[in-house]
Structure formats: C-alpha cells, structure tokens
Amino acid sequence: MTGGAGFIGSNFIHYWLERCPEDQILNLDILSYAGNKDNLKVVEDKSNYEFVQGDIKDASLVKGLVGDVDLIVNFAAETHVDRSIEEAKSFIQTNVEGTWVLLEAAKEKGIRFHHISTDEVFGSLDFSDPPFSEKTPYDPRSPYSASKAAADHLVRAYHHTFGLPITISNCSNNYGPYQHPEKLIPLFVTNLIEGKPVPVYGKGRNIRDWIHVQDHNKGVEKIIKSGKIGETYCLGGGKELSNLEITHKILDLLGASEESIEYVTDRPGHDLRYAIDYSKAKEELAWQPEKDFEQGLAETIAWYQENPDWWRKLKK
C-alpha cells in the first residue's frame, strides 16, 4: 500500500493487521509533512509489516517493490485544499503523476488496484441538492480536487484500456486519531487545548458529511474483498454538519465559550456543501457507517488530549 504513514492510511494499517494478521503489508510512504512514522509505532516491529520510505513517482523504486504484491491500495496523496491553493504543483505531481506510476507498475504485473479518492471531485452542492452518488458528474473546484479527479479518471482508463482490475472509493470528510492538526477537527481541538481561538471561515455555513476513519476503512475492506471490478463506491458518514455546528460541538465538549471563535476571510472557491449517498455500498456490500458521531467526536477529542506529544511537534 502507499501513503500508509498518513492519517487514513495509518489507521487502515492498524485495522487491517488486526483483522487479517496473516497478511503481509508493505507500506511505501515518502514521509512528507503529513506522513508520520509515529502513527505506526505499535506495528513497526511486526514481522508481517514492512516500511519503505520513498516516492510513488519513483518508477524504478515502485517497479522493484511490486514483485510479490497481489494488491495495491493507493492512499498516497497531497490532500489539504488550502495548500493546493497556495501551491498546486506538488498536488499535480503526487496525485496525478504518482498514481500513473503506480498504475503502470500494476499493469505490468496485473496487480489488483484500489484507489482512495474523495467526494470533493464532485464539486459543490446547494442546500437542497441530493447527495453525491457514483453517478454524479465530476466538477472539481480546487487544485486539490482537480488532481484527485484526474487520478480517478486515469485509474478508470487503465481498467477500460488495459483491463487492469481496479476499484475506486470516494469518501466524505474523515475524522479520528492521527489526523494532522491542520485539518478542521484536530486544529480546533488542539487550539482550544492551547488556549488559542478557532478560525472559522466566513460565517461557518459550509456543510460537510463526516465519517469516522474506522468506518471508512471498513468500507475499503468490503470493496477490496467483495466489490465489483471496475466499479466505484461512495462511502459517506450520513452526518451533515455546518462548520459552525461542528465548532459548537467541539466547544461544548471542551468547555470553551463562543468567544473562542475567530471568524476569518473565507477560502477562495469554498465549496458550500458535500453529502454522500452510500446506498450502493449498502446494497452491494452490506456496508454502512456504524460509529455514532457524537461518541466518535468525544473519543477523538480525548485522543488528542491524551497525546499532546504527538501533535505539538506538528504545529511548530
């Protein structure tokens, strides 16, 4: 797998090794700012886990690693929208070129390929629009989402042109342990722990569909084991909240007042709303999100409270 030192990827490794202890996992990660080997301390000595630091754009490295691999799960990606607005080049290189390098290696060996994508490729919904589904046309609106959309199209092209056995999952906003503190929930939680304000874009009316990272990884497992080759599956949390609503939930759980909110200039091209219709995954894979959001949020906050050494060095 790739990108296994990041937030979702590291959680996936923990999940998979616990569920399938007989499997071998090879984790290729460049350890960019979002990749953190500390996420994997509890598994680094396991005999069925191997870590390789390297770039998915390095074709010779990738080709040399896939010899005994029977499945590639591609978590590797540049993911932060704000960073993509400031500097898009690395997003195009990693998310598009890197995916192409992996696909070439998979094609040469005939390796099953699962690609992790995002609901942001579908663009933005109005308040009254139906949720995104596998049939929603792509309409990316940031350099990040455009790069992920391009990668999705490449993956499908390699299936249709070369017969590569692929699947794709598009998920909504993840939350949980090991998430980099530049993201909304960990940023707000750690800021409040440090006595700092929480920056809310605009009026905080933008809506996101939240899914616990464990539910996401359960969905990925279902797709890998039971999904139809060539198909895409949307994985959502079924929990739509405005940024201001989630801010108030975090404030309440940490006993902070509304005075901690700092309204800041809105992000350029900020998508209004994301929501996912996961009925295909429910019907075909018997998957649906299980984690109650309020419980999951409380557990996530507790994790950041209990692990300040993990996140403080990432905020420097």
C-alpha atoms as a PDB file:
ATOM      1  CA  MET A   1       0.000   0.000   0.000  1.00  0.00           C
ATOM      2  CA  THR A   2       1.000   3.634  -0.389  1.00  0.00           C
ATOM      3  CA  GLY A   3       0.645   6.608   1.945  1.00  0.00           C
ATOM      4  CA  GLY A   4       0.377   4.379   4.998  1.00  0.00           C
ATOM      5  CA  ALA A   5       2.062   6.864   7.329  1.00  0.00           C
ATOM      6  CA  GLY A   6      -0.697   9.418   6.791  1.00  0.00           C
ATOM      7  CA  PHE A   7      -3.931   9.788   8.712  1.00  0.00           C
ATOM      8  CA  ILE A   8      -6.280   7.411   6.901  1.00  0.00           C
ATOM      9  CA  GLY A   9      -3.532   5.089   5.683  1.00  0.00           C
ATOM     10  CA  SER A  10      -2.050   4.502   9.142  1.00  0.00           C
ATOM     11  CA  ASN A  11      -5.484   3.809  10.572  1.00  0.00           C
ATOM     12  CA  PHE A  12      -6.023   1.349   7.726  1.00  0.00           C
ATOM     13  CA  ILE A  13      -2.793  -0.488   8.586  1.00  0.00           C
ATOM     14  CA  HIS A  14      -3.817  -0.801  12.242  1.00  0.00           C
ATOM     15  CA  TYR A  15      -7.247  -2.014  11.162  1.00  0.00           C
ATOM     16  CA  TRP A  16      -6.035  -4.499   8.552  1.00  0.00           C
ATOM     17  CA  LEU A  17      -3.296  -6.070  10.667  1.00  0.00           C
ATOM     18  CA  GLU A  18      -5.779  -6.580  13.483  1.00  0.00           C
ATOM     19  CA  ARG A  19      -8.399  -8.067  11.156  1.00  0.00           C
ATOM     20  CA  CYS A  20      -6.067 -10.037   8.879  1.00  0.00           C
ATOM     21  CA  PRO A  21      -2.937 -10.897  10.906  1.00  0.00           C
ATOM     22  CA  GLU A  22      -1.865 -13.493   8.354  1.00  0.00           C
ATOM     23  CA  ASP A  23      -1.453 -10.861   5.603  1.00  0.00           C
ATOM     24  CA  GLN A  24       1.781  -9.046   4.776  1.00  0.00           C
ATOM     25  CA  ILE A  25       1.721  -5.253   4.381  1.00  0.00           C
ATOM     26  CA  LEU A  26       4.404  -3.277   2.559  1.00  0.00           C
ATOM     27  CA  ASN A  27       3.970   0.439   3.234  1.00  0.00           C
ATOM     28  CA  LEU A  28       5.536   2.912   0.771  1.00  0.00           C
ATOM     29  CA  ASP A  29       5.461   6.486   2.063  1.00  0.00           C
ATOM     30  CA  ILE A  30       7.663   9.484   1.335  1.00  0.00           C
ATOM     31  CA  LEU A  31       7.081  10.913   4.837  1.00  0.00           C
ATOM     32  CA  SER A  32       6.053  14.374   3.709  1.00  0.00           C
ATOM     33  CA  TYR A  33       4.759  16.788   6.331  1.00  0.00           C
ATOM     34  CA  ALA A  34       1.532  14.715   6.531  1.00  0.00           C
ATOM     35  CA  GLY A  35       3.326  11.362   6.838  1.00  0.00           C
ATOM     36  CA  ASN A  36       4.360  10.437  10.358  1.00  0.00           C
ATOM     37  CA  LYS A  37       6.103   7.218  11.379  1.00  0.00           C
ATOM     38  CA  ASP A  38       4.912   7.825  14.948  1.00  0.00           C
ATOM     39  CA  ASN A  39       1.457   6.807  13.688  1.00  0.00           C
ATOM     40  CA  LEU A  40       2.799   3.269  13.257  1.00  0.00           C
ATOM     41  CA  LYS A  41       4.962   2.739  16.330  1.00  0.00           C
ATOM     42  CA  VAL A  42       2.820  -0.105  17.626  1.00  0.00           C
ATOM     43  CA  VAL A  43       3.184  -2.122  14.402  1.00  0.00           C
ATOM     44  CA  GLU A  44       6.713  -1.290  13.237  1.00  0.00           C
ATOM     45  CA  ASP A  45       8.207  -4.414  14.852  1.00  0.00           C
ATOM     46  CA  LYS A  46       5.624  -6.834  13.488  1.00  0.00           C
ATOM     47  CA  SER A  47       7.045  -9.484  11.181  1.00  0.00           C
ATOM     48  CA  ASN A  48       4.220  -9.006   8.659  1.00  0.00           C
ATOM     49  CA  TYR A  49       4.742  -5.238   8.307  1.00  0.00           C
ATOM     50  CA  GLU A  50       7.473  -3.538   6.291  1.00  0.00           C
ATOM     51  CA  PHE A  51       8.040   0.175   5.778  1.00  0.00           C
ATOM     52  CA  VAL A  52       9.839   1.679   2.794  1.00  0.00           C
ATOM     53  CA  GLN A  53      10.473   5.419   2.640  1.00  0.00           C
ATOM     54  CA  GLY A  54      10.151   6.525  -0.934  1.00  0.00           C
ATOM     55  CA  ASP A  55       8.223   8.446  -3.552  1.00  0.00           C
ATOM     56  CA  ILE A  56       5.374   6.926  -5.559  1.00  0.00           C
ATOM     57  CA  LYS A  57       6.668   8.976  -8.508  1.00  0.00           C
ATOM     58  CA  ASP A  58       9.904   6.944  -8.453  1.00  0.00           C
ATOM     59  CA  ALA A  59       9.105   4.406 -11.164  1.00  0.00           C
ATOM     60  CA  SER A  60      12.166   2.211 -10.616  1.00  0.00           C
ATOM     61  CA  LEU A  61      11.505   2.006  -6.881  1.00  0.00           C
ATOM     62  CA  VAL A  62       7.830   1.193  -7.363  1.00  0.00           C
ATOM     63  CA  LYS A  63       8.589  -1.408 -10.019  1.00  0.00           C
ATOM     64  CA  GLY A  64      11.080  -3.095  -7.700  1.00  0.00           C
ATOM     65  CA  LEU A  65       8.609  -3.255  -4.815  1.00  0.00           C
ATOM     66  CA  VAL A  66       5.611  -4.811  -6.551  1.00  0.00           C
ATOM     67  CA  GLY A  67       7.165  -8.149  -7.479  1.00  0.00           C
ATOM     68  CA  ASP A  68       5.400 -10.187  -4.796  1.00  0.00           C
ATOM     69  CA  VAL A  69       2.436  -7.862  -4.284  1.00  0.00           C
ATOM     70  CA  ASP A  70      -1.097  -9.051  -5.094  1.00  0.00           C
ATOM     71  CA  LEU A  71      -2.944  -5.834  -4.171  1.00  0.00           C
ATOM     72  CA  ILE A  72      -2.085  -2.123  -4.270  1.00  0.00           C
ATOM     73  CA  VAL A  73      -4.186   0.201  -2.120  1.00  0.00           C
ATOM     74  CA  ASN A  74      -3.325   3.794  -3.000  1.00  0.00           C
ATOM     75  CA  PHE A  75      -3.783   6.153  -0.067  1.00  0.00           C
ATOM     76  CA  ALA A  76      -0.851   8.378  -1.073  1.00  0.00           C
ATOM     77  CA  ALA A  77      -1.964  11.925  -1.857  1.00  0.00           C
ATOM     78  CA  GLU A  78      -1.491  15.583  -1.158  1.00  0.00           C
ATOM     79  CA  THR A  79      -4.837  16.434   0.438  1.00  0.00           C
ATOM     80  CA  HIS A  80      -5.061  19.895   2.010  1.00  0.00           C
ATOM     81  CA  VAL A  81      -7.160  22.303  -0.064  1.00  0.00           C
ATOM     82  CA  ASP A  82      -5.549  25.446   1.354  1.00  0.00           C
ATOM     83  CA  ARG A  83      -2.078  24.182   0.473  1.00  0.00           C
ATOM     84  CA  SER A  84      -3.245  23.363  -3.068  1.00  0.00           C
ATOM     85  CA  ILE A  85      -4.464  26.945  -3.486  1.00  0.00           C
ATOM     86  CA  GLU A  86      -1.094  28.286  -2.363  1.00  0.00           C
ATOM     87  CA  GLU A  87       0.991  25.831  -4.406  1.00  0.00           C
ATOM     88  CA  ALA A  88      -0.642  23.360  -6.803  1.00  0.00           C
ATOM     89  CA  LYS A  89       2.454  21.773  -8.362  1.00  0.00           C
ATOM     90  CA  SER A  90       3.058  19.093  -5.718  1.00  0.00           C
ATOM     91  CA  PHE A  91      -0.612  18.083  -5.902  1.00  0.00           C
ATOM     92  CA  ILE A  92      -0.402  17.502  -9.645  1.00  0.00           C
ATOM     93  CA  GLN A  93       2.884  15.638  -9.288  1.00  0.00           C
ATOM     94  CA  THR A  94       1.870  13.331  -6.446  1.00  0.00           C
ATOM     95  CA  ASN A  95      -1.829  12.830  -7.100  1.00  0.00           C
ATOM     96  CA  VAL A  96      -1.684  12.542 -10.885  1.00  0.00           C
ATOM     97  CA  GLU A  97       1.848  11.555 -11.887  1.00  0.00           C
ATOM     98  CA  GLY A  98       2.292   9.356  -8.812  1.00  0.00           C
ATOM     99  CA  THR A  99      -0.943   7.497  -9.486  1.00  0.00           C
ATOM    100  CA  TRP A 100       0.147   6.974 -13.100  1.00  0.00           C
ATOM    101  CA  VAL A 101       3.456   5.431 -11.961  1.00  0.00           C
ATOM    102  CA  LEU A 102       1.580   3.038  -9.675  1.00  0.00           C
ATOM    103  CA  LEU A 103      -0.848   2.121 -12.449  1.00  0.00           C
ATOM    104  CA  GLU A 104       1.998   1.374 -14.837  1.00  0.00           C
ATOM    105  CA  ALA A 105       3.584  -0.972 -12.302  1.00  0.00           C
ATOM    106  CA  ALA A 106       0.234  -2.611 -11.593  1.00  0.00           C
ATOM    107  CA  LYS A 107      -0.449  -3.037 -15.325  1.00  0.00           C
ATOM    108  CA  GLU A 108       2.905  -4.720 -15.928  1.00  0.00           C
ATOM    109  CA  LYS A 109       2.261  -7.277 -13.176  1.00  0.00           C
ATOM    110  CA  GLY A 110      -1.540  -7.496 -13.462  1.00  0.00           C
ATOM    111  CA  ILE A 111      -1.995  -6.403  -9.853  1.00  0.00           C
ATOM    112  CA  ARG A 112      -5.406  -5.616  -8.359  1.00  0.00           C
ATOM    113  CA  PHE A 113      -5.566  -1.863  -7.680  1.00  0.00           C
ATOM    114  CA  HIS A 114      -7.813   0.008  -5.246  1.00  0.00           C
ATOM    115  CA  HIS A 115      -7.724   3.786  -5.372  1.00  0.00           C
ATOM    116  CA  ILE A 116      -8.759   6.021  -2.464  1.00  0.00           C
ATOM    117  CA  SER A 117     -10.470   9.208  -3.606  1.00  0.00           C
ATOM    118  CA  THR A 118     -12.675  11.970  -2.228  1.00  0.00           C
ATOM    119  CA  ASP A 119     -16.156  13.405  -2.561  1.00  0.00           C
ATOM    120  CA  GLU A 120     -14.570  16.732  -3.497  1.00  0.00           C
ATOM    121  CA  VAL A 121     -14.177  15.556  -7.114  1.00  0.00           C
ATOM    122  CA  PHE A 122     -17.934  16.031  -7.488  1.00  0.00           C
ATOM    123  CA  GLY A 123     -17.825  19.762  -6.766  1.00  0.00           C
ATOM    124  CA  SER A 124     -20.291  21.568  -4.534  1.00  0.00           C
ATOM    125  CA  LEU A 125     -23.935  21.019  -3.595  1.00  0.00           C
ATOM    126  CA  ASP A 126     -26.574  23.599  -2.808  1.00  0.00           C
ATOM    127  CA  PHE A 127     -28.547  23.133   0.404  1.00  0.00           C
ATOM    128  CA  SER A 128     -31.449  21.464  -1.413  1.00  0.00           C
ATOM    129  CA  ASP A 129     -29.448  19.291  -3.834  1.00  0.00           C
ATOM    130  CA  PRO A 130     -29.490  15.495  -3.498  1.00  0.00           C
ATOM    131  CA  PRO A 131     -26.243  13.956  -2.169  1.00  0.00           C
ATOM    132  CA  PHE A 132     -23.387  12.872  -4.399  1.00  0.00           C
ATOM    133  CA  SER A 133     -23.532   9.341  -5.757  1.00  0.00           C
ATOM    134  CA  GLU A 134     -21.494   7.201  -8.118  1.00  0.00           C
ATOM    135  CA  LYS A 135     -23.489   8.732 -10.992  1.00  0.00           C
ATOM    136  CA  THR A 136     -22.718  12.362 -10.103  1.00  0.00           C
ATOM    137  CA  PRO A 137     -20.698  14.130 -12.839  1.00  0.00           C
ATOM    138  CA  TYR A 138     -17.246  15.318 -11.821  1.00  0.00           C
ATOM    139  CA  ASP A 139     -16.949  19.062 -11.209  1.00  0.00           C
ATOM    140  CA  PRO A 140     -13.787  19.704  -9.130  1.00  0.00           C
ATOM    141  CA  ARG A 141     -13.334  23.267  -7.918  1.00  0.00           C
ATOM    142  CA  SER A 142      -9.891  23.389  -6.277  1.00  0.00           C
ATOM    143  CA  PRO A 143      -6.431  22.318  -7.458  1.00  0.00           C
ATOM    144  CA  TYR A 144      -6.597  19.501  -4.891  1.00  0.00           C
ATOM    145  CA  SER A 145      -9.940  18.120  -6.068  1.00  0.00           C
ATOM    146  CA  ALA A 146      -8.957  18.570  -9.726  1.00  0.00           C
ATOM    147  CA  SER A 147      -5.823  16.498  -9.164  1.00  0.00           C
ATOM    148  CA  LYS A 148      -7.834  13.751  -7.457  1.00  0.00           C
ATOM    149  CA  ALA A 149     -10.401  13.807 -10.265  1.00  0.00           C
ATOM    150  CA  ALA A 150      -7.616  13.404 -12.820  1.00  0.00           C
ATOM    151  CA  ALA A 151      -6.241  10.444 -10.848  1.00  0.00           C
ATOM    152  CA  ASP A 152      -9.689   8.813 -10.735  1.00  0.00           C
ATOM    153  CA  HIS A 153     -10.017   9.147 -14.498  1.00  0.00           C
ATOM    154  CA  LEU A 154      -6.576   7.606 -15.003  1.00  0.00           C
ATOM    155  CA  VAL A 155      -7.496   4.629 -12.835  1.00  0.00           C
ATOM    156  CA  ARG A 156     -10.676   4.021 -14.828  1.00  0.00           C
ATOM    157  CA  ALA A 157      -8.803   4.478 -18.111  1.00  0.00           C
ATOM    158  CA  TYR A 158      -6.333   1.750 -17.151  1.00  0.00           C
ATOM    159  CA  HIS A 159      -9.252  -0.567 -16.464  1.00  0.00           C
ATOM    160  CA  HIS A 160     -11.030   0.136 -19.743  1.00  0.00           C
ATOM    161  CA  THR A 161      -7.911   0.286 -21.920  1.00  0.00           C
ATOM    162  CA  PHE A 162      -5.683  -2.362 -20.362  1.00  0.00           C
ATOM    163  CA  GLY A 163      -8.127  -4.493 -18.369  1.00  0.00           C
ATOM    164  CA  LEU A 164      -6.459  -3.612 -15.060  1.00  0.00           C
ATOM    165  CA  PRO A 165      -8.600  -4.909 -12.167  1.00  0.00           C
ATOM    166  CA  ILE A 166      -9.450  -1.715 -10.290  1.00  0.00           C
ATOM    167  CA  THR A 167     -11.945  -0.288  -7.819  1.00  0.00           C
ATOM    168  CA  ILE A 168     -12.338   3.265  -6.534  1.00  0.00           C
ATOM    169  CA  SER A 169     -13.840   4.656  -3.351  1.00  0.00           C
ATOM    170  CA  ASN A 170     -14.921   8.274  -2.882  1.00  0.00           C
ATOM    171  CA  CYS A 171     -15.341   9.146   0.774  1.00  0.00           C
ATOM    172  CA  SER A 172     -16.612  12.128   2.720  1.00  0.00           C
ATOM    173  CA  ASN A 173     -14.703  14.062   5.415  1.00  0.00           C
ATOM    174  CA  ASN A 174     -12.857  11.695   7.739  1.00  0.00           C
ATOM    175  CA  TYR A 175     -12.147  12.291  11.412  1.00  0.00           C
ATOM    176  CA  GLY A 176     -10.447  10.290  14.140  1.00  0.00           C
ATOM    177  CA  PRO A 177      -6.992   9.715  15.703  1.00  0.00           C
ATOM    178  CA  TYR A 178      -3.714  10.547  13.940  1.00  0.00           C
ATOM    179  CA  GLN A 179      -5.219  13.314  11.778  1.00  0.00           C
ATOM    180  CA  HIS A 180      -2.791  16.149  11.054  1.00  0.00           C
ATOM    181  CA  PRO A 181      -3.642  19.264  13.109  1.00  0.00           C
ATOM    182  CA  GLU A 182      -4.051  21.411  10.001  1.00  0.00           C
ATOM    183  CA  LYS A 183      -7.478  19.787   9.470  1.00  0.00           C
ATOM    184  CA  LEU A 184     -10.636  21.265  10.987  1.00  0.00           C
ATOM    185  CA  ILE A 185     -11.399  18.965  13.936  1.00  0.00           C
ATOM    186  CA  PRO A 186      -7.825  18.423  15.195  1.00  0.00           C
ATOM    187  CA  LEU A 187      -6.946  22.080  14.545  1.00  0.00           C
ATOM    188  CA  PHE A 188      -9.874  23.317  16.609  1.00  0.00           C
ATOM    189  CA  VAL A 189      -9.332  20.757  19.367  1.00  0.00           C
ATOM    190  CA  THR A 190      -5.612  21.426  19.722  1.00  0.00           C
ATOM    191  CA  ASN A 191      -6.072  25.199  19.505  1.00  0.00           C
ATOM    192  CA  LEU A 192      -8.575  25.095  22.351  1.00  0.00           C
ATOM    193  CA  ILE A 193      -6.284  22.875  24.421  1.00  0.00           C
ATOM    194  CA  GLU A 194      -3.582  25.511  23.905  1.00  0.00           C
ATOM    195  CA  GLY A 195      -5.949  28.368  24.750  1.00  0.00           C
ATOM    196  CA  LYS A 196      -5.980  29.692  21.190  1.00  0.00           C
ATOM    197  CA  PRO A 197      -9.004  30.792  19.105  1.00  0.00           C
ATOM    198  CA  VAL A 198     -10.530  28.567  16.432  1.00  0.00           C
ATOM    199  CA  PRO A 199     -10.601  30.073  12.897  1.00  0.00           C
ATOM    200  CA  VAL A 200     -13.990  29.669  11.207  1.00  0.00           C
ATOM    201  CA  TYR A 201     -14.141  30.518   7.511  1.00  0.00           C
ATOM    202  CA  GLY A 202     -16.749  33.148   6.567  1.00  0.00           C
ATOM    203  CA  LYS A 203     -19.910  32.586   8.582  1.00  0.00           C
ATOM    204  CA  GLY A 204     -19.302  28.868   9.104  1.00  0.00           C
ATOM    205  CA  ARG A 205     -22.264  27.865   6.957  1.00  0.00           C
ATOM    206  CA  ASN A 206     -20.374  25.377   4.737  1.00  0.00           C
ATOM    207  CA  ILE A 207     -21.633  21.821   5.278  1.00  0.00           C
ATOM    208  CA  ARG A 208     -19.621  18.615   5.333  1.00  0.00           C
ATOM    209  CA  ASP A 209     -20.606  14.953   5.647  1.00  0.00           C
ATOM    210  CA  TRP A 210     -18.481  13.391   8.421  1.00  0.00           C
ATOM    211  CA  ILE A 211     -17.329   9.768   8.572  1.00  0.00           C
ATOM    212  CA  HIS A 212     -15.168   8.147  11.250  1.00  0.00           C
ATOM    213  CA  VAL A 213     -11.926   6.833   9.796  1.00  0.00           C
ATOM    214  CA  GLN A 214     -12.704   3.350  11.139  1.00  0.00           C
ATOM    215  CA  ASP A 215     -15.998   3.257   9.241  1.00  0.00           C
ATOM    216  CA  HIS A 216     -14.176   4.404   6.115  1.00  0.00           C
ATOM    217  CA  ASN A 217     -11.614   1.621   6.422  1.00  0.00           C
ATOM    218  CA  LYS A 218     -14.326  -0.969   6.990  1.00  0.00           C
ATOM    219  CA  GLY A 219     -15.823   0.214   3.710  1.00  0.00           C
ATOM    220  CA  VAL A 220     -12.479  -0.091   1.932  1.00  0.00           C
ATOM    221  CA  GLU A 221     -12.133  -3.641   3.260  1.00  0.00           C
ATOM    222  CA  LYS A 222     -15.593  -4.503   1.925  1.00  0.00           C
ATOM    223  CA  ILE A 223     -14.704  -3.112  -1.505  1.00  0.00           C
ATOM    224  CA  ILE A 224     -11.388  -4.971  -1.633  1.00  0.00           C
ATOM    225  CA  LYS A 225     -12.987  -8.272  -0.676  1.00  0.00           C
ATOM    226  CA  SER A 226     -16.420  -8.021  -2.304  1.00  0.00           C
ATOM    227  CA  GLY A 227     -16.525  -5.039  -4.660  1.00  0.00           C
ATOM    228  CA  LYS A 228     -17.106  -5.474  -8.367  1.00  0.00           C
ATOM    229  CA  ILE A 229     -14.038  -4.914 -10.535  1.00  0.00           C
ATOM    230  CA  GLY A 230     -14.223  -1.654 -12.452  1.00  0.00           C
ATOM    231  CA  GLU A 231     -16.767  -0.148 -10.067  1.00  0.00           C
ATOM    232  CA  THR A 232     -16.761   2.942  -7.851  1.00  0.00           C
ATOM    233  CA  TYR A 233     -18.291   3.054  -4.374  1.00  0.00           C
ATOM    234  CA  CYS A 234     -19.194   6.168  -2.414  1.00  0.00           C
ATOM    235  CA  LEU A 235     -18.605   5.958   1.344  1.00  0.00           C
ATOM    236  CA  GLY A 236     -20.343   8.579   3.481  1.00  0.00           C
ATOM    237  CA  GLY A 237     -20.949   9.091   7.158  1.00  0.00           C
ATOM    238  CA  GLY A 238     -24.569  10.179   6.940  1.00  0.00           C
ATOM    239  CA  LYS A 239     -23.799  13.086   9.271  1.00  0.00           C
ATOM    240  CA  GLU A 240     -24.089  16.504   7.654  1.00  0.00           C
ATOM    241  CA  LEU A 241     -22.990  19.411   9.808  1.00  0.00           C
ATOM    242  CA  SER A 242     -22.135  23.021   9.075  1.00  0.00           C
ATOM    243  CA  ASN A 243     -18.690  24.140  10.133  1.00  0.00           C
ATOM    244  CA  LEU A 244     -20.299  26.336  12.764  1.00  0.00           C
ATOM    245  CA  GLU A 245     -22.326  23.421  14.136  1.00  0.00           C
ATOM    246  CA  ILE A 246     -19.274  21.226  14.499  1.00  0.00           C
ATOM    247  CA  THR A 247     -17.392  24.138  16.052  1.00  0.00           C
ATOM    248  CA  HIS A 248     -20.056  24.468  18.740  1.00  0.00           C
ATOM    249  CA  LYS A 249     -19.958  20.722  19.420  1.00  0.00           C
ATOM    250  CA  ILE A 250     -16.191  20.902  19.962  1.00  0.00           C
ATOM    251  CA  LEU A 251     -16.549  23.997  22.154  1.00  0.00           C
ATOM    252  CA  ASP A 252     -19.169  22.265  24.289  1.00  0.00           C
ATOM    253  CA  LEU A 253     -17.123  19.079  24.734  1.00  0.00           C
ATOM    254  CA  LEU A 254     -14.071  21.086  25.775  1.00  0.00           C
ATOM    255  CA  GLY A 255     -15.983  23.506  27.970  1.00  0.00           C
ATOM    256  CA  ALA A 256     -14.996  26.540  25.892  1.00  0.00           C
ATOM    257  CA  SER A 257     -17.115  29.591  25.160  1.00  0.00           C
ATOM    258  CA  GLU A 258     -18.246  31.050  21.842  1.00  0.00           C
ATOM    259  CA  GLU A 259     -15.712  33.819  22.415  1.00  0.00           C
ATOM    260  CA  SER A 260     -13.084  31.317  21.247  1.00  0.00           C
ATOM    261  CA  ILE A 261     -14.437  31.571  17.677  1.00  0.00           C
ATOM    262  CA  GLU A 262     -12.475  33.802  15.318  1.00  0.00           C
ATOM    263  CA  TYR A 263     -14.281  34.385  12.022  1.00  0.00           C
ATOM    264  CA  VAL A 264     -11.725  34.685   9.206  1.00  0.00           C
ATOM    265  CA  THR A 265     -11.844  35.517   5.495  1.00  0.00           C
ATOM    266  CA  ASP A 266     -13.433  32.684   3.573  1.00  0.00           C
ATOM    267  CA  ARG A 267     -11.346  30.302   1.470  1.00  0.00           C
ATOM    268  CA  PRO A 268     -11.336  31.129  -2.285  1.00  0.00           C
ATOM    269  CA  GLY A 269     -13.847  28.912  -4.110  1.00  0.00           C
ATOM    270  CA  HIS A 270     -15.009  27.333  -0.844  1.00  0.00           C
ATOM    271  CA  ASP A 271     -17.475  24.552  -1.694  1.00  0.00           C
ATOM    272  CA  LEU A 272     -20.790  25.084   0.046  1.00  0.00           C
ATOM    273  CA  ARG A 273     -21.848  21.530   0.832  1.00  0.00           C
ATOM    274  CA  TYR A 274     -20.762  17.903   0.489  1.00  0.00           C
ATOM    275  CA  ALA A 275     -23.000  14.922   1.144  1.00  0.00           C
ATOM    276  CA  ILE A 276     -22.825  11.301   0.032  1.00  0.00           C
ATOM    277  CA  ASP A 277     -25.477   8.779  -0.890  1.00  0.00           C
ATOM    278  CA  TYR A 278     -23.881   5.465   0.144  1.00  0.00           C
ATOM    279  CA  SER A 279     -26.836   3.277  -0.867  1.00  0.00           C
ATOM    280  CA  LYS A 280     -24.789   1.382  -3.487  1.00  0.00           C
ATOM    281  CA  ALA A 281     -22.254   0.275  -0.858  1.00  0.00           C
ATOM    282  CA  LYS A 282     -25.095  -0.611   1.489  1.00  0.00           C
ATOM    283  CA  GLU A 283     -26.937  -2.688  -1.094  1.00  0.00           C
ATOM    284  CA  GLU A 284     -23.961  -4.409  -2.771  1.00  0.00           C
ATOM    285  CA  LEU A 285     -21.511  -4.697   0.118  1.00  0.00           C
ATOM    286  CA  ALA A 286     -23.732  -4.654   3.225  1.00  0.00           C
ATOM    287  CA  TRP A 287     -21.728  -1.641   4.433  1.00  0.00           C
ATOM    288  CA  GLN A 288     -22.938   1.411   6.282  1.00  0.00           C
ATOM    289  CA  PRO A 289     -21.349   3.764   8.838  1.00  0.00           C
ATOM    290  CA  GLU A 290     -21.664   2.462  12.389  1.00  0.00           C
ATOM    291  CA  LYS A 291     -19.906   4.984  14.628  1.00  0.00           C
ATOM    292  CA  ASP A 292     -22.221   7.477  16.320  1.00  0.00           C
ATOM    293  CA  PHE A 293     -20.826  10.916  15.528  1.00  0.00           C
ATOM    294  CA  GLU A 294     -21.157  12.391  18.992  1.00  0.00           C
ATOM    295  CA  GLN A 295     -19.415   9.376  20.505  1.00  0.00           C
ATOM    296  CA  GLY A 296     -16.745   9.387  17.802  1.00  0.00           C
ATOM    297  CA  LEU A 297     -16.099  13.097  18.247  1.00  0.00           C
ATOM    298  CA  ALA A 298     -15.767  12.723  22.023  1.00  0.00           C
ATOM    299  CA  GLU A 299     -13.335   9.809  21.556  1.00  0.00           C
ATOM    300  CA  THR A 300     -11.334  11.809  19.017  1.00  0.00           C
ATOM    301  CA  ILE A 301     -11.067  14.813  21.333  1.00  0.00           C
ATOM    302  CA  ALA A 302      -9.970  12.504  24.159  1.00  0.00           C
ATOM    303  CA  TRP A 303      -7.257  11.040  21.903  1.00  0.00           C
ATOM    304  CA  TYR A 304      -5.787  14.492  21.227  1.00  0.00           C
ATOM    305  CA  GLN A 305      -5.966  15.357  24.912  1.00  0.00           C
ATOM    306  CA  GLU A 306      -4.078  12.161  25.758  1.00  0.00           C
ATOM    307  CA  ASN A 307      -1.448  12.510  23.014  1.00  0.00           C
ATOM    308  CA  PRO A 308      -0.071  16.075  23.135  1.00  0.00           C
ATOM    309  CA  ASP A 309       3.463  14.895  22.325  1.00  0.00           C
ATOM    310  CA  TRP A 310       2.160  13.528  19.021  1.00  0.00           C
ATOM    311  CA  TRP A 311       0.546  16.738  17.764  1.00  0.00           C
ATOM    312  CA  ARG A 312       2.536  19.551  19.379  1.00  0.00           C
ATOM    313  CA  LYS A 313       5.605  18.940  17.203  1.00  0.00           C
ATOM    314  CA  LEU A 314       3.384  19.001  14.090  1.00  0.00           C
ATOM    315  CA  LYS A 315       2.117  22.503  14.938  1.00  0.00           C
ATOM    316  CA  LYS A 316       5.546  24.079  15.288  1.00  0.00           C
END
